[in-house]
C-alpha atoms as a PDB file:
ATOM      1  CA  MET A   1       3.983  32.164  34.231  1.00  0.00           C
ATOM      2  CA  LYS A   2       7.163  32.316  31.627  1.00  0.00           C
ATOM      3  CA  ASN A   3       7.645  28.570  32.520  1.00  0.00           C
ATOM      4  CA  LYS A   4       4.015  27.450  31.009  1.00  0.00           C
ATOM      5  CA  ARG A   5       4.471  29.747  27.731  1.00  0.00           C
ATOM      6  CA  SER A   6       8.362  28.120  26.984  1.00  0.00           C
ATOM      7  CA  TYR A   7       6.173  24.399  28.120  1.00  0.00           C
ATOM      8  CA  GLY A   8       3.103  25.135  25.629  1.00  0.00           C
ATOM      9  CA  ILE A   9       5.870  26.393  22.705  1.00  0.00           C
ATOM     10  CA  ALA A  10       7.805  23.438  22.858  1.00  0.00           C
ATOM     11  CA  ILE A  11       4.806  21.310  23.422  1.00  0.00           C
ATOM     12  CA  SER A  12       3.101  22.822  20.025  1.00  0.00           C
ATOM     13  CA  LEU A  13       7.093  22.298  18.554  1.00  0.00           C
ATOM     14  CA  PHE A  14       7.037  18.569  19.362  1.00  0.00           C
ATOM     15  CA  PHE A  15       3.367  18.055  17.513  1.00  0.00           C
ATOM     16  CA  VAL A  16       5.198  20.303  14.372  1.00  0.00           C
ATOM     17  CA  ALA A  17       7.880  18.719  14.396  1.00  0.00           C
ATOM     18  CA  SER A  18       6.071  14.677  14.651  1.00  0.00           C
ATOM     19  CA  PHE A  19       3.539  15.941  12.175  1.00  0.00           C
ATOM     20  CA  VAL A  20       6.322  17.013   9.344  1.00  0.00           C
ATOM     21  CA  LEU A  21       8.065  13.865  10.378  1.00  0.00           C
ATOM     22  CA  LEU A  22       5.653  11.401   9.875  1.00  0.00           C
ATOM     23  CA  SER A  23       4.093  13.063   6.747  1.00  0.00           C
ATOM     24  CA  GLY A  24       7.547  12.815   5.538  1.00  0.00           C
ATOM     25  CA  CYS A  25       8.060   9.280   5.837  1.00  0.00           C
ATOM     26  CA  THR A  26       4.550   8.450   4.499  1.00  0.00           C
ATOM     27  CA  SER A  27       3.983   8.108   0.684  1.00  0.00           C
ATOM     28  CA  ASP A  28       0.560   8.508  -1.396  1.00  0.00           C
ATOM     29  CA  ASN A  29      -0.311   4.491  -2.592  1.00  0.00           C
ATOM     30  CA  SER A  30      -3.911   5.769  -4.049  1.00  0.00           C
ATOM     31  CA  ASN A  31      -2.195   5.191  -8.236  1.00  0.00           C
ATOM     32  CA  ASN A  32      -0.532   2.498  -7.570  1.00  0.00           C
ATOM     33  CA  ASN A  33      -2.444  -1.075  -7.343  1.00  0.00           C
ATOM     34  CA  SER A  34      -1.913  -3.828  -5.008  1.00  0.00           C
ATOM     35  CA  ASN A  35       1.426  -4.795  -5.820  1.00  0.00           C
ATOM     36  CA  GLY A  36       3.611  -1.912  -5.773  1.00  0.00           C
ATOM     37  CA  GLN A  37       3.206  -1.664  -9.969  1.00  0.00           C
ATOM     38  CA  SER A  38       2.469   1.391 -11.047  1.00  0.00           C
ATOM     39  CA  TRP A  39       2.740   0.127 -14.807  1.00  0.00           C
ATOM     40  CA  MET A  40      -0.473  -2.096 -14.382  1.00  0.00           C
ATOM     41  CA  ASN A  41      -2.211   1.433 -13.790  1.00  0.00           C
ATOM     42  CA  ASN A  42      -3.344   1.813 -17.598  1.00  0.00           C
ATOM     43  CA  TYR A  43      -2.013  -1.727 -18.573  1.00  0.00           C
ATOM     44  CA  THR A  44      -3.567  -3.772 -20.856  1.00  0.00           C
ATOM     45  CA  PRO A  45      -2.592  -7.494 -21.793  1.00  0.00           C
ATOM     46  CA  VAL A  46      -1.119  -8.310 -25.132  1.00  0.00           C
ATOM     47  CA  HIS A  47      -1.643 -11.946 -24.324  1.00  0.00           C
ATOM     48  CA  SER A  48      -4.569 -13.903 -24.436  1.00  0.00           C
ATOM     49  CA  VAL A  49      -6.011 -17.227 -23.999  1.00  0.00           C
ATOM     50  CA  GLY A  50      -5.966 -19.091 -26.771  1.00  0.00           C
ATOM     51  CA  THR A  51      -4.396 -22.771 -28.103  1.00  0.00           C
ATOM     52  CA  GLY A  52      -1.909 -20.743 -30.532  1.00  0.00           C
ATOM     53  CA  SER A  53       1.276 -19.933 -30.232  1.00  0.00           C
ATOM     54  CA  ASN A  54       0.811 -16.173 -28.743  1.00  0.00           C
ATOM     55  CA  ASP A  55      -1.575 -16.987 -26.196  1.00  0.00           C
ATOM     56  CA  PHE A  56      -1.973 -18.260 -22.604  1.00  0.00           C
ATOM     57  CA  TRP A  57      -3.175 -21.961 -22.940  1.00  0.00           C
ATOM     58  CA  ILE A  58      -5.697 -24.380 -20.989  1.00  0.00           C
ATOM     59  CA  THR A  59      -5.633 -26.939 -22.443  1.00  0.00           C
ATOM     60  CA  TYR A  60      -2.148 -28.337 -24.802  1.00  0.00           C
ATOM     61  CA  PRO A  61      -1.678 -26.430 -27.303  1.00  0.00           C
ATOM     62  CA  THR A  62      -2.000 -26.740 -31.088  1.00  0.00           C
ATOM     63  CA  GLY A  63       0.973 -28.769 -32.092  1.00  0.00           C
ATOM     64  CA  ASN A  64       1.357 -31.036 -28.834  1.00  0.00           C
ATOM     65  CA  PRO A  65      -0.014 -34.724 -29.229  1.00  0.00           C
ATOM     66  CA  SER A  66      -1.858 -33.579 -26.443  1.00  0.00           C
ATOM     67  CA  SER A  67      -3.130 -30.639 -28.376  1.00  0.00           C
ATOM     68  CA  GLY A  68      -7.175 -29.384 -26.747  1.00  0.00           C
ATOM     69  CA  GLN A  69      -7.194 -32.195 -23.506  1.00  0.00           C
ATOM     70  CA  GLU A  70      -6.911 -30.835 -20.101  1.00  0.00           C
ATOM     71  CA  VAL A  71      -4.026 -30.793 -18.280  1.00  0.00           C
ATOM     72  CA  ASP A  72      -3.253 -32.017 -15.030  1.00  0.00           C
ATOM     73  CA  HIS A  73      -1.346 -29.786 -13.477  1.00  0.00           C
ATOM     74  CA  LEU A  74       2.094 -30.742 -11.112  1.00  0.00           C
ATOM     75  CA  SER A  75       0.919 -30.036  -7.709  1.00  0.00           C
ATOM     76  CA  TRP A  76       4.125 -27.791  -6.639  1.00  0.00           C
ATOM     77  CA  ILE A  77       2.798 -25.251  -9.586  1.00  0.00           C
ATOM     78  CA  VAL A  78      -0.961 -25.640  -8.335  1.00  0.00           C
ATOM     79  CA  ASP A  79       0.823 -25.197  -4.877  1.00  0.00           C
ATOM     80  CA  SER A  80       3.033 -21.977  -6.382  1.00  0.00           C
ATOM     81  CA  LEU A  81      -0.356 -20.302  -7.479  1.00  0.00           C
ATOM     82  CA  LYS A  82      -1.619 -19.727  -4.558  1.00  0.00           C
ATOM     83  CA  THR A  83       0.629 -16.652  -4.013  1.00  0.00           C
ATOM     84  CA  LYS A  84       1.960 -15.631  -6.932  1.00  0.00           C
ATOM     85  CA  PRO A  85       2.085 -16.419 -10.637  1.00  0.00           C
ATOM     86  CA  VAL A  86       4.549 -18.523 -11.726  1.00  0.00           C
ATOM     87  CA  LEU A  87       7.966 -18.676 -13.511  1.00  0.00           C
ATOM     88  CA  PHE A  88      10.442 -21.531 -13.846  1.00  0.00           C
ATOM     89  CA  VAL A  89      13.372 -22.255 -16.831  1.00  0.00           C
ATOM     90  CA  VAL A  90      14.785 -25.437 -17.013  1.00  0.00           C
ATOM     91  CA  HIS A  91      18.791 -25.775 -17.873  1.00  0.00           C
ATOM     92  CA  ARG A  92      22.069 -26.857 -17.320  1.00  0.00           C
ATOM     93  CA  THR A  93      25.277 -24.853 -16.002  1.00  0.00           C
ATOM     94  CA  GLY A  94      27.638 -25.745 -18.612  1.00  0.00           C
ATOM     95  CA  CYS A  95      25.387 -26.243 -21.993  1.00  0.00           C
ATOM     96  CA  TYR A  96      26.292 -23.396 -24.362  1.00  0.00           C
ATOM     97  CA  GLY A  97      23.039 -23.821 -26.038  1.00  0.00           C
ATOM     98  CA  CYS A  98      20.917 -22.514 -23.154  1.00  0.00           C
ATOM     99  CA  ALA A  99      22.689 -20.927 -21.356  1.00  0.00           C
ATOM    100  CA  ALA A 100      21.737 -17.566 -23.066  1.00  0.00           C
ATOM    101  CA  GLN A 101      18.155 -18.156 -22.505  1.00  0.00           C
ATOM    102  CA  ALA A 102      18.615 -19.318 -19.112  1.00  0.00           C
ATOM    103  CA  GLU A 103      19.997 -16.310 -18.147  1.00  0.00           C
ATOM    104  CA  ARG A 104      17.497 -14.142 -19.659  1.00  0.00           C
ATOM    105  CA  VAL A 105      14.882 -15.691 -18.048  1.00  0.00           C
ATOM    106  CA  ILE A 106      17.068 -15.726 -15.002  1.00  0.00           C
ATOM    107  CA  GLU A 107      17.405 -11.645 -14.946  1.00  0.00           C
ATOM    108  CA  LEU A 108      13.290 -11.317 -15.610  1.00  0.00           C
ATOM    109  CA  GLY A 109      13.045 -14.164 -12.094  1.00  0.00           C
ATOM    110  CA  GLU A 110      15.081 -11.897 -10.229  1.00  0.00           C
ATOM    111  CA  LYS A 111      13.489  -8.451 -12.053  1.00  0.00           C
ATOM    112  CA  TYR A 112      10.045 -10.147 -11.071  1.00  0.00           C
ATOM    113  CA  ASN A 113      10.685 -11.480  -8.287  1.00  0.00           C
ATOM    114  CA  LYS A 114       7.908  -9.756  -5.242  1.00  0.00           C
ATOM    115  CA  GLU A 115       5.598 -10.238  -8.468  1.00  0.00           C
ATOM    116  CA  ALA A 116       6.325 -13.960  -9.296  1.00  0.00           C
ATOM    117  CA  ASN A 117       7.639 -17.125  -7.945  1.00  0.00           C
ATOM    118  CA  PHE A 118      10.687 -18.053  -9.979  1.00  0.00           C
ATOM    119  CA  TYR A 119      12.382 -21.204 -10.264  1.00  0.00           C
ATOM    120  CA  ASP A 120      15.851 -21.659 -11.251  1.00  0.00           C
ATOM    121  CA  LEU A 121      15.434 -25.394 -12.454  1.00  0.00           C
ATOM    122  CA  ASP A 122      19.628 -25.886 -12.583  1.00  0.00           C
ATOM    123  CA  ALA A 123      19.668 -29.264 -13.566  1.00  0.00           C
ATOM    124  CA  PHE A 124      23.461 -29.723 -13.710  1.00  0.00           C
ATOM    125  CA  ASP A 125      25.770 -32.639 -11.754  1.00  0.00           C
ATOM    126  CA  GLY A 126      25.349 -32.498  -7.911  1.00  0.00           C
ATOM    127  CA  ALA A 127      21.638 -30.375  -8.233  1.00  0.00           C
ATOM    128  CA  SER A 128      19.153 -31.421  -5.614  1.00  0.00           C
ATOM    129  CA  ASN A 129      17.274 -34.339  -6.624  1.00  0.00           C
ATOM    130  CA  ASP A 130      14.221 -31.777  -5.993  1.00  0.00           C
ATOM    131  CA  ILE A 131      15.563 -29.633  -8.459  1.00  0.00           C
ATOM    132  CA  LEU A 132      16.320 -32.704 -10.642  1.00  0.00           C
ATOM    133  CA  GLN A 133      12.931 -34.051 -10.151  1.00  0.00           C
ATOM    134  CA  LYS A 134      11.032 -31.056 -10.663  1.00  0.00           C
ATOM    135  CA  ALA A 135      13.094 -30.370 -14.203  1.00  0.00           C
ATOM    136  CA  ASN A 136      12.287 -33.731 -15.566  1.00  0.00           C
ATOM    137  CA  GLU A 137       8.269 -33.411 -14.294  1.00  0.00           C
ATOM    138  CA  VAL A 138       7.974 -30.547 -16.218  1.00  0.00           C
ATOM    139  CA  TYR A 139       8.924 -31.570 -19.597  1.00  0.00           C
ATOM    140  CA  MET A 140       4.891 -32.996 -19.310  1.00  0.00           C
ATOM    141  CA  TYR A 141       3.813 -28.997 -20.865  1.00  0.00           C
ATOM    142  CA  ASP A 142       6.721 -28.946 -23.898  1.00  0.00           C
ATOM    143  CA  PRO A 143       4.659 -26.894 -26.007  1.00  0.00           C
ATOM    144  CA  ASP A 144       5.335 -29.959 -29.264  1.00  0.00           C
ATOM    145  CA  GLY A 145       5.735 -33.127 -26.744  1.00  0.00           C
ATOM    146  CA  PRO A 146       8.829 -35.209 -26.453  1.00  0.00           C
ATOM    147  CA  PRO A 147      12.004 -35.429 -27.572  1.00  0.00           C
ATOM    148  CA  GLY A 148      12.461 -32.359 -24.443  1.00  0.00           C
ATOM    149  CA  TYR A 149      15.221 -30.193 -25.157  1.00  0.00           C
ATOM    150  CA  ILE A 150      16.879 -27.203 -22.898  1.00  0.00           C
ATOM    151  CA  ALA A 151      16.043 -24.366 -21.807  1.00  0.00           C
ATOM    152  CA  LEU A 152      12.210 -25.039 -21.166  1.00  0.00           C
ATOM    153  CA  THR A 153      11.142 -22.273 -20.418  1.00  0.00           C
ATOM    154  CA  GLY A 154       7.526 -22.127 -18.651  1.00  0.00           C
ATOM    155  CA  ILE A 155       5.498 -19.183 -17.458  1.00  0.00           C
ATOM    156  CA  TYR A 156       1.605 -19.593 -15.363  1.00  0.00           C
ATOM    157  CA  THR A 157      -1.522 -17.333 -14.040  1.00  0.00           C
ATOM    158  CA  TYR A 158      -4.651 -17.594 -13.509  1.00  0.00           C
ATOM    159  CA  VAL A 159      -6.852 -16.365 -16.400  1.00  0.00           C
ATOM    160  CA  LYS A 160     -10.740 -16.434 -16.910  1.00  0.00           C
ATOM    161  CA  GLU A 161     -12.647 -18.263 -19.421  1.00  0.00           C
ATOM    162  CA  ASN A 162     -16.324 -18.317 -19.757  1.00  0.00           C
ATOM    163  CA  GLY A 163     -16.542 -16.818 -16.697  1.00  0.00           C
ATOM    164  CA  ALA A 164     -14.462 -19.455 -14.611  1.00  0.00           C
ATOM    165  CA  ILE A 165     -10.789 -19.127 -13.125  1.00  0.00           C
ATOM    166  CA  LYS A 166      -8.263 -21.341 -14.516  1.00  0.00           C
ATOM    167  CA  ILE A 167      -5.002 -21.959 -14.902  1.00  0.00           C
ATOM    168  CA  GLY A 168      -3.182 -20.164 -17.875  1.00  0.00           C
ATOM    169  CA  TRP A 169       0.032 -21.025 -19.019  1.00  0.00           C
ATOM    170  CA  HIS A 170       2.660 -21.186 -22.117  1.00  0.00           C
ATOM    171  CA  THR A 171       6.043 -22.474 -22.293  1.00  0.00           C
ATOM    172  CA  TRP A 172       8.799 -22.263 -24.949  1.00  0.00           C
ATOM    173  CA  GLU A 173      11.329 -24.636 -25.845  1.00  0.00           C
ATOM    174  CA  ALA A 174      14.896 -24.564 -27.331  1.00  0.00           C
ATOM    175  CA  PRO A 175      15.909 -23.331 -30.496  1.00  0.00           C
ATOM    176  CA  ASN A 176      12.722 -21.923 -30.737  1.00  0.00           C
ATOM    177  CA  ASP A 177      12.625 -19.691 -27.263  1.00  0.00           C
ATOM    178  CA  MET A 178      15.871 -18.154 -28.618  1.00  0.00           C
ATOM    179  CA  THR A 179      13.259 -16.072 -30.874  1.00  0.00           C
ATOM    180  CA  ILE A 180      12.447 -14.775 -27.851  1.00  0.00           C
ATOM    181  CA  SER A 181      12.981 -10.759 -27.570  1.00  0.00           C
ATOM    182  CA  ASP A 182      13.156  -9.825 -23.915  1.00  0.00           C
ATOM    183  CA  SER A 183      10.817  -7.352 -24.335  1.00  0.00           C
ATOM    184  CA  ASP A 184       8.641  -9.812 -25.062  1.00  0.00           C
ATOM    185  CA  LEU A 185       9.593 -12.168 -22.838  1.00  0.00           C
ATOM    186  CA  ASP A 186       8.837  -9.349 -20.087  1.00  0.00           C
ATOM    187  CA  THR A 187       6.159  -9.177 -21.895  1.00  0.00           C
ATOM    188  CA  TRP A 188       4.357 -12.494 -20.737  1.00  0.00           C
ATOM    189  CA  ILE A 189       5.462 -11.679 -17.214  1.00  0.00           C
ATOM    190  CA  LYS A 190       3.686  -8.562 -17.120  1.00  0.00           C
ATOM    191  CA  ASP A 191       0.516 -10.532 -18.743  1.00  0.00           C
ATOM    192  CA  ALA A 192       0.986 -12.904 -15.726  1.00  0.00           C
ATOM    193  CA  ILE A 193       0.977 -10.817 -13.534  1.00  0.00           C
ATOM    194  CA  TYR A 194      -1.742  -8.769 -14.246  1.00  0.00           C
ATOM    195  CA  TYR A 195      -3.774 -11.844 -14.881  1.00  0.00           C
ATOM    196  CA  TYR A 196      -3.136 -12.983 -12.124  1.00  0.00           C
ATOM    197  CA  VAL A 197      -3.975  -9.039 -10.240  1.00  0.00           C
ATOM    198  CA  ASN A 198      -7.505  -9.050 -11.849  1.00  0.00           C
ATOM    199  CA  LYS A 199      -8.610 -12.063 -11.781  1.00  0.00           C
END
């Protein structure tokens, strides 16, 4: 009788301990969005779709020689967009004029690495052919057309226009990109993530 009682107590304690242990290992994510970013719960995007300097573009923007024309997006950007928004920076190690912008974008790429595909396109001597090719071909997105300068920064996502889902993008090129604050760059990335998740 004593053994049965001890056995019953042991089983009860096991179940209680298991419940406490398992409940401590779980968390309530019901207030988070699908990618775990609680900032998106009440987020309102700052940048909308348009052709101005403060918009996500669908066509080439105002000021570009191809302004208003459709963009034939690069295949690696389209492929990367299948999983997350895309962020890149073209720079060159040792380039004094582009170092500050490159460092800022690299930090943001690391900060949002779970929510965005980041490409550090460092076109230094000895860089891989893949990086050099990507660094050259993204200049088709130069906001005001040739000539191209470094650093060039780009952000890509999906946006809705008239009910259709399209690629929305924005780029900055030195020296103009130096006037964009860290908080504004952060907002652009958050907007891209928001639009992507809510497409």
